[in-house]
Amino acid sequence: MRACLILYIVKAMATIFSRIIAGEIPSYKVAEDDKFFAFLDINPLVKGHTLVVPKQEVDYIFDLNDEDLAAMHVFAKKVARAIEKAFPCKKVGEAVIGLEVPHAHIHLIPIQKESDMLFSNPKLKLSDEEFKAVSEAIRAAL
């Protein structure tokens, strides 16, 4: 009984990103390896806006050990290169804010101008078919 209660508490405390990684909540997956998971932001600033998260549940990105932080950025770079191919842009911007979900994550956003990175900008409303097409385009470019 105690083990079930502990498991329930752990599952109840899991972040939304941990639940996405576990497949409990659907997502538009872009890439995955043994340590990291990349999926489309469901409130994107632009098409291709992707989140990169560690599978290890850590709230603050700078609480990751140096090796994992470096590996996360190498993984993000691979995803960013695929985003560039799928959605031609001047650059892929990177943002780490981390206040909205207590799970470290990097936003990768294809940009034409600096203001494309403003989180106060209106968010795109994409259909399920559009999200699927965006994620498939990025995956195909990996």
Protein backbone atom coordinates (compact mmCIF):
# COMPACT_ATOMS: atom_id res chain seq x y z
CA MET A 1 0.00 0.00 0.00
CA ARG A 2 2.82 2.42 0.93
CA ALA A 3 4.62 1.78 -2.39
CA CYS A 4 1.40 2.53 -4.30
CA LEU A 5 0.96 5.76 -2.38
CA ILE A 6 4.53 6.84 -3.10
CA LEU A 7 4.10 6.00 -6.79
CA TYR A 8 0.84 7.98 -6.85
CA ILE A 9 2.50 11.01 -5.22
CA VAL A 10 5.44 10.88 -7.64
CA LYS A 11 3.09 10.62 -10.64
CA ALA A 12 0.87 13.39 -9.29
CA MET A 13 3.87 15.67 -8.85
CA ALA A 14 5.30 15.00 -12.34
CA THR A 15 5.49 18.08 -14.51
CA ILE A 16 3.44 18.36 -17.66
CA PHE A 17 6.68 17.87 -19.63
CA SER A 18 7.46 14.62 -17.78
CA ARG A 19 3.95 13.44 -18.59
CA ILE A 20 4.49 14.34 -22.27
CA ILE A 21 7.80 12.44 -22.32
CA ALA A 22 6.08 9.43 -20.71
CA GLY A 23 3.37 9.52 -23.39
CA GLU A 24 0.62 10.28 -20.88
CA ILE A 25 -0.16 13.55 -22.68
CA PRO A 26 -0.01 13.70 -26.48
CA SER A 27 2.56 15.90 -28.19
CA TYR A 28 4.00 16.64 -31.60
CA LYS A 29 7.38 15.00 -31.11
CA VAL A 30 10.28 16.29 -33.19
CA ALA A 31 13.27 14.38 -31.77
CA GLU A 32 14.29 12.15 -28.90
CA ASP A 33 17.36 10.43 -27.54
CA ASP A 34 18.15 8.73 -24.24
CA LYS A 35 18.42 12.04 -22.33
CA PHE A 36 16.37 14.66 -24.21
CA PHE A 37 13.01 15.16 -25.88
CA ALA A 38 11.97 17.85 -28.39
CA PHE A 39 8.38 18.66 -29.27
CA LEU A 40 6.37 21.53 -30.71
CA ASP A 41 5.17 24.30 -28.42
CA ILE A 42 1.35 24.14 -28.47
CA ASN A 43 1.23 27.95 -28.24
CA PRO A 44 3.82 28.77 -30.88
CA LEU A 45 5.07 32.22 -31.73
CA VAL A 46 5.79 30.99 -35.28
CA LYS A 47 5.64 27.69 -37.15
CA GLY A 48 8.51 25.53 -36.00
CA HIS A 49 8.60 26.85 -32.39
CA THR A 50 9.99 23.84 -30.55
CA LEU A 51 10.77 22.98 -26.94
CA VAL A 52 13.80 20.92 -25.92
CA VAL A 53 13.62 19.34 -22.48
CA PRO A 54 15.78 16.95 -20.48
CA LYS A 55 14.08 13.69 -19.58
CA GLN A 56 15.44 14.22 -16.08
CA GLU A 57 12.96 16.40 -14.23
CA VAL A 58 14.95 19.47 -13.17
CA ASP A 59 13.24 22.81 -12.58
CA TYR A 60 16.10 25.24 -13.24
CA ILE A 61 18.27 24.67 -16.31
CA PHE A 62 21.43 25.71 -14.45
CA ASP A 63 20.81 22.98 -11.87
CA LEU A 64 21.69 20.42 -14.57
CA ASN A 65 25.21 19.10 -14.20
CA ASP A 66 27.72 20.55 -16.67
CA GLU A 67 27.80 17.44 -18.84
CA ASP A 68 24.01 17.29 -19.21
CA LEU A 69 23.71 21.04 -19.81
CA ALA A 70 26.31 20.83 -22.60
CA ALA A 71 24.66 17.72 -24.07
CA MET A 72 21.27 19.45 -24.00
CA HIS A 73 22.67 22.31 -26.07
CA VAL A 74 24.28 19.90 -28.55
CA PHE A 75 20.91 18.12 -28.89
CA ALA A 76 19.16 21.52 -29.30
CA LYS A 77 21.66 22.46 -32.02
CA LYS A 78 20.71 19.37 -34.06
CA VAL A 79 17.04 20.25 -33.72
CA ALA A 80 17.72 23.91 -34.59
CA ARG A 81 19.55 22.90 -37.78
CA ALA A 82 16.53 20.81 -38.78
CA ILE A 83 14.18 23.72 -38.01
CA GLU A 84 16.31 25.95 -40.29
CA LYS A 85 15.96 23.46 -43.13
CA ALA A 86 12.23 22.96 -42.63
CA PHE A 87 11.41 26.66 -42.08
CA PRO A 88 13.91 28.95 -43.80
CA CYS A 89 14.77 31.78 -41.46
CA LYS A 90 17.62 34.16 -40.69
CA LYS A 91 18.38 32.29 -37.48
CA VAL A 92 16.85 30.02 -34.91
CA GLY A 93 16.57 31.98 -31.70
CA GLU A 94 17.06 30.31 -28.34
CA ALA A 95 15.30 31.35 -25.15
CA VAL A 96 15.37 29.96 -21.64
CA ILE A 97 12.82 31.47 -19.31
CA GLY A 98 11.54 28.59 -17.22
CA LEU A 99 8.87 30.26 -15.13
CA GLU A 100 5.79 28.79 -16.77
CA VAL A 101 6.62 25.08 -16.26
CA PRO A 102 8.90 23.84 -13.45
CA HIS A 103 10.93 21.68 -15.84
CA ALA A 104 14.05 23.01 -17.57
CA HIS A 105 13.48 23.74 -21.25
CA ILE A 106 14.86 25.61 -24.22
CA HIS A 107 12.63 27.38 -26.74
CA LEU A 108 13.89 27.15 -30.33
CA ILE A 109 12.16 29.71 -32.53
CA PRO A 110 12.81 30.32 -36.23
CA ILE A 111 13.15 34.10 -36.61
CA GLN A 112 13.39 36.68 -39.36
CA LYS A 113 13.79 39.59 -36.95
CA GLU A 114 14.52 40.08 -33.27
CA SER A 115 10.91 40.91 -32.42
CA ASP A 116 9.86 37.38 -33.50
CA MET A 117 11.22 36.28 -30.10
CA LEU A 118 8.85 38.43 -28.04
CA PHE A 119 6.71 36.13 -25.93
CA SER A 120 4.14 38.92 -25.69
CA ASN A 121 3.44 38.50 -29.43
CA PRO A 122 0.16 36.81 -30.38
CA LYS A 123 0.42 33.03 -30.49
CA LEU A 124 -0.45 31.07 -33.62
CA LYS A 125 -3.55 28.89 -33.60
CA LEU A 126 -2.70 25.78 -35.63
CA SER A 127 -4.92 22.83 -36.43
CA ASP A 128 -3.93 19.29 -35.57
CA GLU A 129 -3.08 18.73 -39.24
CA GLU A 130 -0.85 21.83 -39.28
CA PHE A 131 0.99 20.75 -36.11
CA LYS A 132 1.52 17.28 -37.61
CA ALA A 133 2.87 18.79 -40.84
CA VAL A 134 5.26 21.06 -38.91
CA SER A 135 6.61 18.23 -36.76
CA GLU A 136 6.98 15.95 -39.79
CA ALA A 137 8.87 18.65 -41.71
CA ILE A 138 11.35 19.09 -38.86
CA ARG A 139 11.77 15.34 -38.34
CA ALA A 140 12.39 14.87 -42.07
CA ALA A 141 15.16 17.48 -41.90
CA LEU A 142 17.00 15.74 -39.04
